[in-house]
Amino acid sequence: MRTKIFRIQGKFMMGNAFQPFTKELKAISEEDIHEKIYSEFGSKHGINRNKIVIEDIKEISKDDVQDPMIKALG
């Protein structure tokens, strides 16, 4: 299977307010993206899944990547 690059936009509850986020990740499918986002925010920020709102997931090309780590893996 071929990995794809996705740009994810959403928001998560930090304290009493939602904070927006934009991330770029490599995955095989959109379902994998959901799991990666939930596990990353849970481990780094201690946020429960119900406090993370994924608003948009788009597959992007290598040329559209802005994250230097993803670009280097490209």
C-alpha atoms as a PDB file:
ATOM      1  CA  MET A   1       0.000   0.000   0.000  1.00  0.00           C
ATOM      2  CA  ARG A   2       1.107   3.522  -0.781  1.00  0.00           C
ATOM      3  CA  THR A   3       1.230   6.190   1.895  1.00  0.00           C
ATOM      4  CA  LYS A   4      -0.391   9.526   1.198  1.00  0.00           C
ATOM      5  CA  ILE A   5       0.155  12.951   2.705  1.00  0.00           C
ATOM      6  CA  PHE A   6      -2.802  14.575   4.445  1.00  0.00           C
ATOM      7  CA  ARG A   7      -3.408  18.045   5.859  1.00  0.00           C
ATOM      8  CA  ILE A   8      -5.658  17.956   8.914  1.00  0.00           C
ATOM      9  CA  GLN A   9      -7.425  20.962  10.382  1.00  0.00           C
ATOM     10  CA  GLY A  10      -9.409  21.050  13.565  1.00  0.00           C
ATOM     11  CA  LYS A  11      -9.492  22.266  17.119  1.00  0.00           C
ATOM     12  CA  PHE A  12      -8.913  20.876  20.579  1.00  0.00           C
ATOM     13  CA  MET A  13     -10.016  21.946  24.031  1.00  0.00           C
ATOM     14  CA  MET A  14      -7.163  23.493  26.010  1.00  0.00           C
ATOM     15  CA  GLY A  15      -8.385  24.792  29.341  1.00  0.00           C
ATOM     16  CA  ASN A  16     -11.745  26.473  28.702  1.00  0.00           C
ATOM     17  CA  ALA A  17     -11.207  27.387  25.046  1.00  0.00           C
ATOM     18  CA  PHE A  18     -10.764  25.605  21.758  1.00  0.00           C
ATOM     19  CA  GLN A  19      -7.362  26.008  20.094  1.00  0.00           C
ATOM     20  CA  PRO A  20      -7.145  25.563  16.312  1.00  0.00           C
ATOM     21  CA  PHE A  21      -4.558  23.259  14.788  1.00  0.00           C
ATOM     22  CA  THR A  22      -3.257  22.319  11.357  1.00  0.00           C
ATOM     23  CA  LYS A  23      -1.081  19.220  10.954  1.00  0.00           C
ATOM     24  CA  GLU A  24       0.415  17.349   8.042  1.00  0.00           C
ATOM     25  CA  LEU A  25       0.845  13.596   8.400  1.00  0.00           C
ATOM     26  CA  LYS A  26       1.592  10.583   6.237  1.00  0.00           C
ATOM     27  CA  ALA A  27      -0.837   7.676   6.380  1.00  0.00           C
ATOM     28  CA  ILE A  28      -2.458   5.029   4.243  1.00  0.00           C
ATOM     29  CA  SER A  29      -6.056   6.146   4.854  1.00  0.00           C
ATOM     30  CA  GLU A  30      -8.189   8.799   6.541  1.00  0.00           C
ATOM     31  CA  GLU A  31      -9.080   6.292   9.278  1.00  0.00           C
ATOM     32  CA  ASP A  32      -5.373   6.039  10.134  1.00  0.00           C
ATOM     33  CA  ILE A  33      -5.214   9.839  10.319  1.00  0.00           C
ATOM     34  CA  HIS A  34      -7.945   9.914  12.969  1.00  0.00           C
ATOM     35  CA  GLU A  35      -6.022   7.447  15.132  1.00  0.00           C
ATOM     36  CA  LYS A  36      -2.727   9.305  14.679  1.00  0.00           C
ATOM     37  CA  ILE A  37      -4.267  12.653  15.648  1.00  0.00           C
ATOM     38  CA  TYR A  38      -6.004  11.223  18.718  1.00  0.00           C
ATOM     39  CA  SER A  39      -2.894   9.394  19.923  1.00  0.00           C
ATOM     40  CA  GLU A  40      -0.556  12.346  19.270  1.00  0.00           C
ATOM     41  CA  PHE A  41      -2.696  14.891  21.112  1.00  0.00           C
ATOM     42  CA  GLY A  42      -3.367  12.396  23.885  1.00  0.00           C
ATOM     43  CA  SER A  43       0.296  11.620  24.464  1.00  0.00           C
ATOM     44  CA  LYS A  44       1.719  15.137  24.011  1.00  0.00           C
ATOM     45  CA  HIS A  45      -1.041  17.189  25.616  1.00  0.00           C
ATOM     46  CA  GLY A  46      -3.009  14.678  27.723  1.00  0.00           C
ATOM     47  CA  ILE A  47      -6.216  15.485  25.838  1.00  0.00           C
ATOM     48  CA  ASN A  48      -9.102  13.014  25.661  1.00  0.00           C
ATOM     49  CA  ARG A  49     -10.506  12.059  22.256  1.00  0.00           C
ATOM     50  CA  ASN A  50     -13.822  13.748  22.992  1.00  0.00           C
ATOM     51  CA  LYS A  51     -12.031  17.112  23.292  1.00  0.00           C
ATOM     52  CA  ILE A  52     -10.536  16.913  19.788  1.00  0.00           C
ATOM     53  CA  VAL A  53     -12.588  18.022  16.785  1.00  0.00           C
ATOM     54  CA  ILE A  54     -11.249  17.111  13.347  1.00  0.00           C
ATOM     55  CA  GLU A  55     -12.899  19.508  10.902  1.00  0.00           C
ATOM     56  CA  ASP A  56     -11.171  18.743   7.610  1.00  0.00           C
ATOM     57  CA  ILE A  57      -8.825  16.128   6.138  1.00  0.00           C
ATOM     58  CA  LYS A  58      -7.415  16.696   2.655  1.00  0.00           C
ATOM     59  CA  GLU A  59      -4.948  14.644   0.687  1.00  0.00           C
ATOM     60  CA  ILE A  60      -2.196  16.958  -0.582  1.00  0.00           C
ATOM     61  CA  SER A  61       0.666  16.579  -3.040  1.00  0.00           C
ATOM     62  CA  LYS A  62       4.353  16.605  -2.102  1.00  0.00           C
ATOM     63  CA  ASP A  63       4.605  20.091  -3.602  1.00  0.00           C
ATOM     64  CA  ASP A  64       1.969  21.458  -1.185  1.00  0.00           C
ATOM     65  CA  VAL A  65       3.672  20.169   1.976  1.00  0.00           C
ATOM     66  CA  GLN A  66       4.735  22.896   4.417  1.00  0.00           C
ATOM     67  CA  ASP A  67       5.944  20.783   7.369  1.00  0.00           C
ATOM     68  CA  PRO A  68       9.730  20.336   7.009  1.00  0.00           C
ATOM     69  CA  MET A  69       9.677  16.902   8.692  1.00  0.00           C
ATOM     70  CA  ILE A  70       7.066  15.538   6.282  1.00  0.00           C
ATOM     71  CA  LYS A  71       8.858  17.183   3.348  1.00  0.00           C
ATOM     72  CA  ALA A  72      12.107  15.429   4.331  1.00  0.00           C
ATOM     73  CA  LEU A  73      10.319  12.054   4.465  1.00  0.00           C
ATOM     74  CA  GLY A  74       8.617  12.773   1.123  1.00  0.00           C
END
